[in-house]
Each structure stands twice: as structure tokens, then as C-alpha cells.
Amino acid sequence: MTSLEIAKEAVRAIDSKKGSKINLIKVDSVSVLADYFVIAAGSSSTQVKAIADEVEYRLKQAGENASHIEGHRSDTWILLDYIDVIVHVFSEDAREYYDLDRMWADGEIVDISDILTED
């Protein structure tokens, strides 16, 4: 899978678990950390964990294994590192506090409206 395909599959997984404030940011021109950041929020620690688990499960089914996972014991932020794609799943409060969208504002927002379901 390409890094964009991995990122979009992560977005689909997050959406399937009713994650909110989902953003896909292309950061390859402003950082060597990754090609894409996927940033999302869950309304509770249980939902944050369920979202991260679903991302990990779906990408594993697609043949992609996380290089590293941080924060599974945390109830506010779980990071899944797929080398070229980094997925951040926050609680709503942590999402506001860390404001990664602002920090990576020089990146390019990728339109994901065509893959999100309507509520």
C-alpha cells in the first residue's frame, strides 16, 4: 500500500468507530517524520482505545503492521506509527490542548469528505 492508501484506510477505520474531528494532513514537504498525519478524537477513553484498536486491526488485515504504538495505557492519546503515516487518536480535551492541526498548519490538508460517512 502507498502511504496515502494507508492513511485513508486509517481514516475509514476511525470513521467506522465514530471518531470525530478527523483530519488527514500531508506533511512530507515540511517534515521528515512522515508523509501523512491522521488526527482524530474520541469522546471517551473507551472510544479512543476502540478507535486505535480498529485502525491497528484494519491495517494489519491489509498487510500493514505498526512499527510502534504509544499510549495504549493512556486514556488521552494513542499514537500508531506506520513509518510514513502517523495516526494520532486523542480524547477531545487532549486534541484541543495539543492542537496538532495548528502545529502542522504548513502541511497540506487532504480532502477526505468522499470517504467519511454522514451521521
C-alpha atoms as a PDB file:
ATOM      1  CA  MET A   1       0.000   0.000   0.000  1.00  0.00           C
ATOM      2  CA  THR A   2       1.117   3.544  -0.607  1.00  0.00           C
ATOM      3  CA  SER A   3       1.330   5.923   2.320  1.00  0.00           C
ATOM      4  CA  LEU A   4      -1.816   7.704   1.104  1.00  0.00           C
ATOM      5  CA  GLU A   5      -3.700   4.396   0.930  1.00  0.00           C
ATOM      6  CA  ILE A   6      -2.576   3.554   4.474  1.00  0.00           C
ATOM      7  CA  ALA A   7      -3.688   6.980   5.698  1.00  0.00           C
ATOM      8  CA  LYS A   8      -7.076   6.700   4.003  1.00  0.00           C
ATOM      9  CA  GLU A   9      -7.652   3.220   5.436  1.00  0.00           C
ATOM     10  CA  ALA A  10      -6.858   4.622   8.881  1.00  0.00           C
ATOM     11  CA  VAL A  11      -9.425   7.384   8.259  1.00  0.00           C
ATOM     12  CA  ARG A  12     -12.038   4.772   7.285  1.00  0.00           C
ATOM     13  CA  ALA A  13     -11.299   2.779  10.441  1.00  0.00           C
ATOM     14  CA  ILE A  14     -11.620   5.877  12.622  1.00  0.00           C
ATOM     15  CA  ASP A  15     -14.841   6.852  10.898  1.00  0.00           C
ATOM     16  CA  SER A  16     -16.278   3.358  11.399  1.00  0.00           C
ATOM     17  CA  LYS A  17     -15.841   3.788  15.164  1.00  0.00           C
ATOM     18  CA  LYS A  18     -17.476   7.230  15.068  1.00  0.00           C
ATOM     19  CA  GLY A  19     -14.269   9.168  15.671  1.00  0.00           C
ATOM     20  CA  SER A  20     -14.646  12.918  15.405  1.00  0.00           C
ATOM     21  CA  LYS A  21     -12.634  15.852  14.081  1.00  0.00           C
ATOM     22  CA  ILE A  22     -10.782  13.591  11.642  1.00  0.00           C
ATOM     23  CA  ASN A  23      -8.048  15.315   9.652  1.00  0.00           C
ATOM     24  CA  LEU A  24      -5.546  13.955   7.183  1.00  0.00           C
ATOM     25  CA  ILE A  25      -2.527  16.215   6.734  1.00  0.00           C
ATOM     26  CA  LYS A  26       0.199  15.698   4.151  1.00  0.00           C
ATOM     27  CA  VAL A  27       3.412  16.701   5.931  1.00  0.00           C
ATOM     28  CA  ASP A  28       6.146  15.312   3.665  1.00  0.00           C
ATOM     29  CA  SER A  29       7.102  18.767   2.409  1.00  0.00           C
ATOM     30  CA  VAL A  30       7.506  20.210   5.920  1.00  0.00           C
ATOM     31  CA  SER A  31       8.878  17.261   7.896  1.00  0.00           C
ATOM     32  CA  VAL A  32      10.975  14.134   7.584  1.00  0.00           C
ATOM     33  CA  LEU A  33       8.891  12.408  10.280  1.00  0.00           C
ATOM     34  CA  ALA A  34       6.252  11.035   7.926  1.00  0.00           C
ATOM     35  CA  ASP A  35       4.333  11.605   4.722  1.00  0.00           C
ATOM     36  CA  TYR A  36       0.929  11.905   6.436  1.00  0.00           C
ATOM     37  CA  PHE A  37      -0.553  12.558   9.861  1.00  0.00           C
ATOM     38  CA  VAL A  38      -4.028  11.324  10.652  1.00  0.00           C
ATOM     39  CA  ILE A  39      -5.506  13.159  13.632  1.00  0.00           C
ATOM     40  CA  ALA A  40      -8.803  12.297  15.296  1.00  0.00           C
ATOM     41  CA  ALA A  41     -10.677  12.414  18.580  1.00  0.00           C
ATOM     42  CA  GLY A  42     -12.830  10.097  20.631  1.00  0.00           C
ATOM     43  CA  SER A  43     -15.403  11.160  23.193  1.00  0.00           C
ATOM     44  CA  SER A  44     -14.169   8.823  25.951  1.00  0.00           C
ATOM     45  CA  SER A  45     -11.115   6.776  26.857  1.00  0.00           C
ATOM     46  CA  THR A  46     -13.002   3.654  25.799  1.00  0.00           C
ATOM     47  CA  GLN A  47     -13.711   5.136  22.377  1.00  0.00           C
ATOM     48  CA  VAL A  48     -10.102   6.340  21.978  1.00  0.00           C
ATOM     49  CA  LYS A  49      -8.891   2.781  22.605  1.00  0.00           C
ATOM     50  CA  ALA A  50     -11.562   1.266  20.343  1.00  0.00           C
ATOM     51  CA  ILE A  51     -10.584   3.614  17.515  1.00  0.00           C
ATOM     52  CA  ALA A  52      -6.875   2.810  17.869  1.00  0.00           C
ATOM     53  CA  ASP A  53      -7.638  -0.921  18.002  1.00  0.00           C
ATOM     54  CA  GLU A  54      -9.753  -0.668  14.834  1.00  0.00           C
ATOM     55  CA  VAL A  55      -7.013   1.213  12.967  1.00  0.00           C
ATOM     56  CA  GLU A  56      -4.472  -1.405  14.005  1.00  0.00           C
ATOM     57  CA  TYR A  57      -6.807  -4.286  13.069  1.00  0.00           C
ATOM     58  CA  ARG A  58      -7.781  -2.935   9.631  1.00  0.00           C
ATOM     59  CA  LEU A  59      -4.254  -2.052   8.641  1.00  0.00           C
ATOM     60  CA  LYS A  60      -2.995  -5.439   9.820  1.00  0.00           C
ATOM     61  CA  GLN A  61      -5.703  -7.048   7.651  1.00  0.00           C
ATOM     62  CA  ALA A  62      -4.323  -5.007   4.742  1.00  0.00           C
ATOM     63  CA  GLY A  63      -0.810  -6.287   5.442  1.00  0.00           C
ATOM     64  CA  GLU A  64       0.471  -3.219   7.276  1.00  0.00           C
ATOM     65  CA  ASN A  65       1.852  -3.580  10.790  1.00  0.00           C
ATOM     66  CA  ALA A  66       2.526  -0.667  13.094  1.00  0.00           C
ATOM     67  CA  SER A  67       6.191  -0.007  13.645  1.00  0.00           C
ATOM     68  CA  HIS A  68       5.435   1.393  17.076  1.00  0.00           C
ATOM     69  CA  ILE A  69       2.410   2.109  19.253  1.00  0.00           C
ATOM     70  CA  GLU A  70       2.483   4.557  22.168  1.00  0.00           C
ATOM     71  CA  GLY A  71      -0.094   5.372  24.797  1.00  0.00           C
ATOM     72  CA  HIS A  72      -2.269   2.246  24.856  1.00  0.00           C
ATOM     73  CA  ARG A  73      -2.383   2.575  28.634  1.00  0.00           C
ATOM     74  CA  SER A  74      -3.208   6.247  28.340  1.00  0.00           C
ATOM     75  CA  ASP A  75      -6.748   7.462  28.237  1.00  0.00           C
ATOM     76  CA  THR A  76      -5.976  10.654  26.327  1.00  0.00           C
ATOM     77  CA  TRP A  77      -3.639   9.978  23.365  1.00  0.00           C
ATOM     78  CA  ILE A  78      -2.674   6.896  21.390  1.00  0.00           C
ATOM     79  CA  LEU A  79      -0.117   7.142  18.594  1.00  0.00           C
ATOM     80  CA  LEU A  80       0.224   4.461  15.918  1.00  0.00           C
ATOM     81  CA  ASP A  81       3.389   4.758  13.832  1.00  0.00           C
ATOM     82  CA  TYR A  82       3.313   3.223  10.360  1.00  0.00           C
ATOM     83  CA  ILE A  83       6.633   4.876   9.364  1.00  0.00           C
ATOM     84  CA  ASP A  84       5.212   7.025   6.546  1.00  0.00           C
ATOM     85  CA  VAL A  85       1.871   7.529   8.296  1.00  0.00           C
ATOM     86  CA  ILE A  86       1.412   8.502  11.928  1.00  0.00           C
ATOM     87  CA  VAL A  87      -2.062   8.162  13.419  1.00  0.00           C
ATOM     88  CA  HIS A  88      -2.921  10.256  16.485  1.00  0.00           C
ATOM     89  CA  VAL A  89      -6.097   9.380  18.399  1.00  0.00           C
ATOM     90  CA  PHE A  90      -6.882  11.851  21.188  1.00  0.00           C
ATOM     91  CA  SER A  91      -9.543  12.420  23.771  1.00  0.00           C
ATOM     92  CA  GLU A  92     -11.445  15.575  22.861  1.00  0.00           C
ATOM     93  CA  ASP A  93      -9.723  17.596  25.619  1.00  0.00           C
ATOM     94  CA  ALA A  94      -6.251  16.383  24.647  1.00  0.00           C
ATOM     95  CA  ARG A  95      -6.994  17.111  20.986  1.00  0.00           C
ATOM     96  CA  GLU A  96      -7.742  20.720  21.868  1.00  0.00           C
ATOM     97  CA  TYR A  97      -4.787  21.016  24.248  1.00  0.00           C
ATOM     98  CA  TYR A  98      -2.091  19.661  21.910  1.00  0.00           C
ATOM     99  CA  ASP A  99      -3.652  21.230  18.788  1.00  0.00           C
ATOM    100  CA  LEU A 100      -1.536  19.287  16.290  1.00  0.00           C
ATOM    101  CA  ASP A 101      -3.601  20.730  13.455  1.00  0.00           C
ATOM    102  CA  ARG A 102      -2.201  24.173  14.246  1.00  0.00           C
ATOM    103  CA  MET A 103       1.304  22.818  14.778  1.00  0.00           C
ATOM    104  CA  TRP A 104       1.251  21.199  11.309  1.00  0.00           C
ATOM    105  CA  ALA A 105      -0.659  24.006   9.589  1.00  0.00           C
ATOM    106  CA  ASP A 106       2.116  24.298   6.997  1.00  0.00           C
ATOM    107  CA  GLY A 107       1.170  20.828   5.783  1.00  0.00           C
ATOM    108  CA  GLU A 108      -1.489  20.219   3.150  1.00  0.00           C
ATOM    109  CA  ILE A 109      -4.972  19.250   4.338  1.00  0.00           C
ATOM    110  CA  VAL A 110      -6.171  16.283   2.289  1.00  0.00           C
ATOM    111  CA  ASP A 111      -9.864  16.261   1.396  1.00  0.00           C
ATOM    112  CA  ILE A 112     -11.365  13.130   2.950  1.00  0.00           C
ATOM    113  CA  SER A 113     -15.026  14.104   2.593  1.00  0.00           C
ATOM    114  CA  ASP A 114     -15.509  11.383  -0.035  1.00  0.00           C
ATOM    115  CA  ILE A 115     -14.562   8.601   2.402  1.00  0.00           C
ATOM    116  CA  LEU A 116     -16.337   9.817   5.550  1.00  0.00           C
ATOM    117  CA  THR A 117     -19.826   8.598   6.327  1.00  0.00           C
ATOM    118  CA  GLU A 118     -22.533  11.063   7.202  1.00  0.00           C
ATOM    119  CA  ASP A 119     -24.031  10.953  10.678  1.00  0.00           C
END
